[in-house]
């Protein structure tokens, strides 16, 4: 069941990362995603949030069309950190279990 429920996988991986490291970090660039979400929420405009995202997570814009805008419009952890798929779901990634 866990491997088929992306939200359950995300929650388990997030909890593991926080227990292990004290936060959730992007595996690609090392950015502290919880801190970044707090910084995004403190900004007043979507344009300011887009600018910060382009500096802190430059790969986000190239991941999927609209992902950067969605993260700027709705600054939340799920838009900034998504269990760090090293292999795109469309290429077979995302079928993880909680077995390490």
N, C-alpha and C. Protein backbone atom coordinates (compact mmCIF):
# COMPACT_ATOMS: atom_id res chain seq x y z
N UNK A 1 0.83 -1.20 0.00
CA UNK A 1 0.00 0.00 0.00
C UNK A 1 0.86 1.25 0.00
N UNK A 2 1.93 1.25 0.78
CA UNK A 2 2.77 2.44 0.90
C UNK A 2 3.33 2.88 -0.44
N UNK A 3 3.81 1.94 -1.25
CA UNK A 3 4.42 2.29 -2.54
C UNK A 3 3.41 2.88 -3.51
N UNK A 4 2.14 2.62 -3.31
CA UNK A 4 1.11 3.11 -4.23
C UNK A 4 0.48 4.42 -3.76
N UNK A 5 0.80 4.86 -2.56
CA UNK A 5 0.23 6.09 -2.01
C UNK A 5 1.33 7.15 -1.89
N UNK A 6 1.43 8.04 -2.89
CA UNK A 6 2.52 9.01 -2.90
C UNK A 6 2.56 9.90 -1.66
N UNK A 7 1.40 10.25 -1.12
CA UNK A 7 1.40 11.09 0.07
C UNK A 7 1.97 10.34 1.28
N UNK A 8 1.65 9.06 1.40
CA UNK A 8 2.18 8.26 2.50
C UNK A 8 3.70 8.12 2.37
N UNK A 9 4.18 7.89 1.15
CA UNK A 9 5.62 7.78 0.93
C UNK A 9 6.30 9.10 1.28
N UNK A 10 5.72 10.21 0.82
CA UNK A 10 6.29 11.52 1.08
C UNK A 10 6.37 11.79 2.59
N UNK A 11 5.28 11.46 3.31
CA UNK A 11 5.27 11.68 4.76
C UNK A 11 6.33 10.84 5.46
N UNK A 12 6.48 9.58 5.06
CA UNK A 12 7.46 8.69 5.70
C UNK A 12 8.88 9.17 5.41
N UNK A 13 9.16 9.53 4.16
CA UNK A 13 10.50 9.99 3.80
C UNK A 13 10.81 11.31 4.50
N UNK A 14 9.83 12.21 4.55
CA UNK A 14 10.00 13.49 5.23
C UNK A 14 10.32 13.27 6.71
N UNK A 15 9.54 12.44 7.37
CA UNK A 15 9.76 12.17 8.80
C UNK A 15 11.14 11.57 9.02
N UNK A 16 11.56 10.68 8.13
CA UNK A 16 12.88 10.06 8.24
C UNK A 16 13.98 11.10 8.08
N UNK A 17 13.86 11.97 7.09
CA UNK A 17 14.85 13.01 6.85
C UNK A 17 14.96 13.96 8.05
N UNK A 18 13.82 14.36 8.58
CA UNK A 18 13.83 15.29 9.71
C UNK A 18 14.46 14.62 10.93
N UNK A 19 14.14 13.36 11.17
CA UNK A 19 14.72 12.63 12.30
C UNK A 19 16.23 12.49 12.11
N UNK A 20 16.66 12.21 10.92
CA UNK A 20 18.07 11.98 10.62
C UNK A 20 18.88 13.28 10.56
N UNK A 21 18.33 14.30 9.92
CA UNK A 21 19.10 15.51 9.61
C UNK A 21 18.59 16.78 10.28
N UNK A 22 17.41 16.76 10.84
CA UNK A 22 16.85 17.95 11.45
C UNK A 22 16.04 18.81 10.51
N UNK A 23 16.02 18.46 9.24
CA UNK A 23 15.22 19.19 8.25
C UNK A 23 15.08 18.32 7.02
N UNK A 24 14.58 18.91 5.95
CA UNK A 24 14.44 18.22 4.67
C UNK A 24 15.29 18.98 3.66
N UNK A 25 16.24 18.30 3.08
CA UNK A 25 17.17 18.93 2.15
C UNK A 25 16.98 18.36 0.75
N UNK A 26 17.10 19.22 -0.25
CA UNK A 26 17.08 18.78 -1.64
C UNK A 26 18.32 17.93 -1.89
N UNK A 27 18.13 16.73 -2.41
CA UNK A 27 19.26 15.84 -2.68
C UNK A 27 20.10 16.33 -3.86
N UNK A 28 19.52 17.15 -4.71
CA UNK A 28 20.23 17.65 -5.88
C UNK A 28 21.17 18.80 -5.52
N UNK A 29 20.68 19.75 -4.71
CA UNK A 29 21.49 20.96 -4.47
C UNK A 29 21.76 21.25 -3.00
N UNK A 30 21.16 20.48 -2.08
CA UNK A 30 21.43 20.65 -0.66
C UNK A 30 20.65 21.75 0.04
N UNK A 31 19.72 22.40 -0.63
CA UNK A 31 18.94 23.48 -0.03
C UNK A 31 18.04 22.92 1.07
N UNK A 32 17.98 23.61 2.20
CA UNK A 32 17.07 23.26 3.29
C UNK A 32 15.67 23.70 2.87
N UNK A 33 14.84 22.75 2.51
CA UNK A 33 13.53 23.06 1.94
C UNK A 33 12.56 23.65 2.96
N UNK A 34 12.64 23.24 4.21
CA UNK A 34 11.76 23.81 5.23
C UNK A 34 12.09 25.28 5.46
N UNK A 35 13.37 25.60 5.48
CA UNK A 35 13.80 27.00 5.63
C UNK A 35 13.38 27.81 4.41
N UNK A 36 13.53 27.25 3.23
CA UNK A 36 13.14 27.95 2.01
C UNK A 36 11.64 28.25 1.99
N UNK A 37 10.82 27.30 2.41
CA UNK A 37 9.38 27.53 2.45
C UNK A 37 9.06 28.68 3.40
N UNK A 38 9.72 28.72 4.55
CA UNK A 38 9.50 29.82 5.50
C UNK A 38 9.90 31.16 4.87
N UNK A 39 11.00 31.19 4.13
CA UNK A 39 11.44 32.42 3.46
C UNK A 39 10.44 32.84 2.39
N UNK A 40 9.94 31.87 1.63
CA UNK A 40 8.95 32.17 0.58
C UNK A 40 7.68 32.76 1.18
N UNK A 41 7.22 32.18 2.26
CA UNK A 41 5.98 32.66 2.89
C UNK A 41 6.13 34.06 3.46
N UNK A 42 7.35 34.46 3.77
CA UNK A 42 7.60 35.79 4.33
C UNK A 42 7.58 36.88 3.25
N UNK A 43 7.71 36.49 1.98
CA UNK A 43 7.72 37.46 0.90
C UNK A 43 6.30 37.85 0.51
N UNK A 44 6.14 39.08 0.03
CA UNK A 44 4.81 39.63 -0.26
C UNK A 44 4.23 39.25 -1.61
N UNK A 45 5.08 39.13 -2.62
CA UNK A 45 4.53 38.93 -3.97
C UNK A 45 5.01 37.63 -4.60
N UNK A 46 4.23 37.18 -5.55
CA UNK A 46 4.59 35.98 -6.31
C UNK A 46 5.89 36.21 -7.09
N UNK A 47 6.08 37.41 -7.60
CA UNK A 47 7.31 37.71 -8.36
C UNK A 47 8.55 37.63 -7.46
N UNK A 48 8.45 38.13 -6.23
CA UNK A 48 9.57 38.03 -5.29
C UNK A 48 9.86 36.57 -4.97
N UNK A 49 8.81 35.77 -4.80
CA UNK A 49 9.00 34.35 -4.52
C UNK A 49 9.62 33.63 -5.72
N UNK A 50 9.20 33.99 -6.94
CA UNK A 50 9.80 33.40 -8.14
C UNK A 50 11.29 33.72 -8.21
N UNK A 51 11.64 34.95 -7.92
CA UNK A 51 13.05 35.36 -7.96
C UNK A 51 13.87 34.56 -6.95
N UNK A 52 13.35 34.38 -5.74
CA UNK A 52 14.06 33.61 -4.72
C UNK A 52 14.20 32.15 -5.15
N UNK A 53 13.14 31.59 -5.70
CA UNK A 53 13.19 30.20 -6.16
C UNK A 53 14.21 30.01 -7.28
N UNK A 54 14.29 30.98 -8.19
CA UNK A 54 15.25 30.87 -9.30
C UNK A 54 16.69 30.88 -8.79
N UNK A 55 16.93 31.60 -7.69
CA UNK A 55 18.28 31.65 -7.11
C UNK A 55 18.57 30.39 -6.30
N UNK A 56 17.64 30.00 -5.44
CA UNK A 56 17.88 28.88 -4.52
C UNK A 56 17.70 27.51 -5.15
N UNK A 57 16.72 27.36 -6.07
CA UNK A 57 16.46 26.09 -6.74
C UNK A 57 16.40 26.29 -8.24
N UNK A 58 17.53 26.58 -8.86
CA UNK A 58 17.52 26.88 -10.30
C UNK A 58 17.00 25.72 -11.15
N UNK A 59 17.13 24.49 -10.69
CA UNK A 59 16.66 23.34 -11.46
C UNK A 59 15.14 23.19 -11.44
N UNK A 60 14.45 23.88 -10.52
CA UNK A 60 13.01 23.72 -10.38
C UNK A 60 12.25 24.13 -11.65
N UNK A 61 12.68 25.20 -12.27
CA UNK A 61 11.99 25.69 -13.47
C UNK A 61 12.07 24.69 -14.61
N UNK A 62 13.19 23.98 -14.71
CA UNK A 62 13.35 23.02 -15.79
C UNK A 62 12.72 21.66 -15.53
N UNK A 63 12.31 21.40 -14.29
CA UNK A 63 11.74 20.08 -13.93
C UNK A 63 10.44 19.80 -14.66
N UNK A 64 9.53 20.73 -14.58
CA UNK A 64 8.21 20.54 -15.19
C UNK A 64 7.61 21.90 -15.45
N UNK A 65 6.91 22.05 -16.55
CA UNK A 65 6.29 23.35 -16.85
C UNK A 65 5.35 23.77 -15.71
N UNK A 66 5.50 24.99 -15.28
CA UNK A 66 4.62 25.53 -14.26
C UNK A 66 4.98 25.23 -12.83
N UNK A 67 5.98 24.38 -12.60
CA UNK A 67 6.32 23.99 -11.24
C UNK A 67 6.84 25.17 -10.42
N UNK A 68 7.68 26.00 -11.00
CA UNK A 68 8.20 27.16 -10.30
C UNK A 68 7.07 28.13 -9.95
N UNK A 69 6.21 28.41 -10.90
CA UNK A 69 5.08 29.32 -10.66
C UNK A 69 4.14 28.79 -9.58
N UNK A 70 3.88 27.49 -9.62
CA UNK A 70 3.00 26.89 -8.61
C UNK A 70 3.63 27.01 -7.22
N UNK A 71 4.93 26.78 -7.13
CA UNK A 71 5.63 26.90 -5.84
C UNK A 71 5.61 28.35 -5.35
N UNK A 72 5.68 29.31 -6.26
CA UNK A 72 5.66 30.72 -5.88
C UNK A 72 4.25 31.16 -5.50
N UNK A 73 3.27 30.64 -6.19
CA UNK A 73 1.87 31.00 -5.93
C UNK A 73 1.37 30.39 -4.62
N UNK A 74 1.76 29.14 -4.37
CA UNK A 74 1.33 28.41 -3.17
C UNK A 74 2.57 27.87 -2.46
N UNK A 75 3.31 28.74 -1.76
CA UNK A 75 4.56 28.29 -1.14
C UNK A 75 4.30 27.25 -0.05
N UNK A 76 4.61 26.04 -0.38
CA UNK A 76 4.43 24.94 0.55
C UNK A 76 5.48 23.88 0.30
N UNK A 77 5.72 23.11 1.30
CA UNK A 77 6.76 22.09 1.22
C UNK A 77 6.56 21.12 0.06
N UNK A 78 5.33 20.73 -0.20
CA UNK A 78 5.05 19.78 -1.27
C UNK A 78 5.39 20.28 -2.65
N UNK A 79 5.45 21.61 -2.82
CA UNK A 79 5.80 22.16 -4.13
C UNK A 79 7.31 22.37 -4.26
N UNK A 80 8.00 22.41 -3.13
CA UNK A 80 9.44 22.66 -3.16
C UNK A 80 10.21 21.35 -3.07
N UNK A 81 9.73 20.44 -2.25
CA UNK A 81 10.39 19.16 -2.02
C UNK A 81 9.38 18.06 -2.25
N UNK A 82 9.65 17.18 -3.17
CA UNK A 82 8.73 16.09 -3.48
C UNK A 82 9.46 14.76 -3.46
N UNK A 83 9.99 14.42 -2.30
CA UNK A 83 10.70 13.16 -2.10
C UNK A 83 11.88 13.00 -3.05
N UNK A 84 12.35 14.10 -3.60
CA UNK A 84 13.56 14.13 -4.42
C UNK A 84 13.66 12.98 -5.42
N UNK A 85 12.74 12.94 -6.35
CA UNK A 85 12.82 11.92 -7.40
C UNK A 85 14.10 12.13 -8.20
N UNK A 86 15.01 11.20 -8.11
CA UNK A 86 16.22 11.29 -8.93
C UNK A 86 15.92 10.80 -10.34
N UNK A 87 14.90 9.98 -10.46
CA UNK A 87 14.44 9.50 -11.75
C UNK A 87 13.00 9.98 -11.90
N UNK A 88 12.73 10.72 -12.96
CA UNK A 88 11.39 11.23 -13.19
C UNK A 88 10.38 10.09 -13.13
N UNK A 89 9.20 10.37 -12.61
CA UNK A 89 8.14 9.36 -12.51
C UNK A 89 7.83 8.80 -13.89
N UNK A 90 7.80 9.68 -14.88
CA UNK A 90 7.47 9.23 -16.24
C UNK A 90 8.53 8.29 -16.81
N UNK A 91 9.72 8.24 -16.15
CA UNK A 91 10.80 7.35 -16.59
C UNK A 91 10.97 6.17 -15.64
N UNK A 92 9.97 5.95 -14.77
CA UNK A 92 10.01 4.78 -13.89
C UNK A 92 10.29 5.08 -12.43
N UNK A 93 10.55 6.33 -12.07
CA UNK A 93 10.80 6.69 -10.67
C UNK A 93 9.50 6.80 -9.91
N UNK A 94 9.61 6.97 -8.61
CA UNK A 94 8.43 7.20 -7.78
C UNK A 94 7.78 5.97 -7.21
N UNK A 95 8.24 4.79 -7.57
CA UNK A 95 7.67 3.55 -7.02
C UNK A 95 8.53 3.10 -5.85
N UNK A 96 8.81 4.00 -4.93
CA UNK A 96 9.69 3.70 -3.80
C UNK A 96 8.90 3.03 -2.68
N UNK A 97 9.64 2.33 -1.85
CA UNK A 97 9.07 1.80 -0.62
C UNK A 97 9.78 2.50 0.54
N UNK A 98 9.45 2.15 1.75
CA UNK A 98 10.12 2.75 2.89
C UNK A 98 11.28 1.87 3.35
N UNK A 99 11.77 1.03 2.49
CA UNK A 99 12.86 0.11 2.81
C UNK A 99 14.22 0.72 2.50
N UNK A 100 14.45 1.97 2.89
CA UNK A 100 15.77 2.58 2.66
C UNK A 100 15.85 3.12 1.31
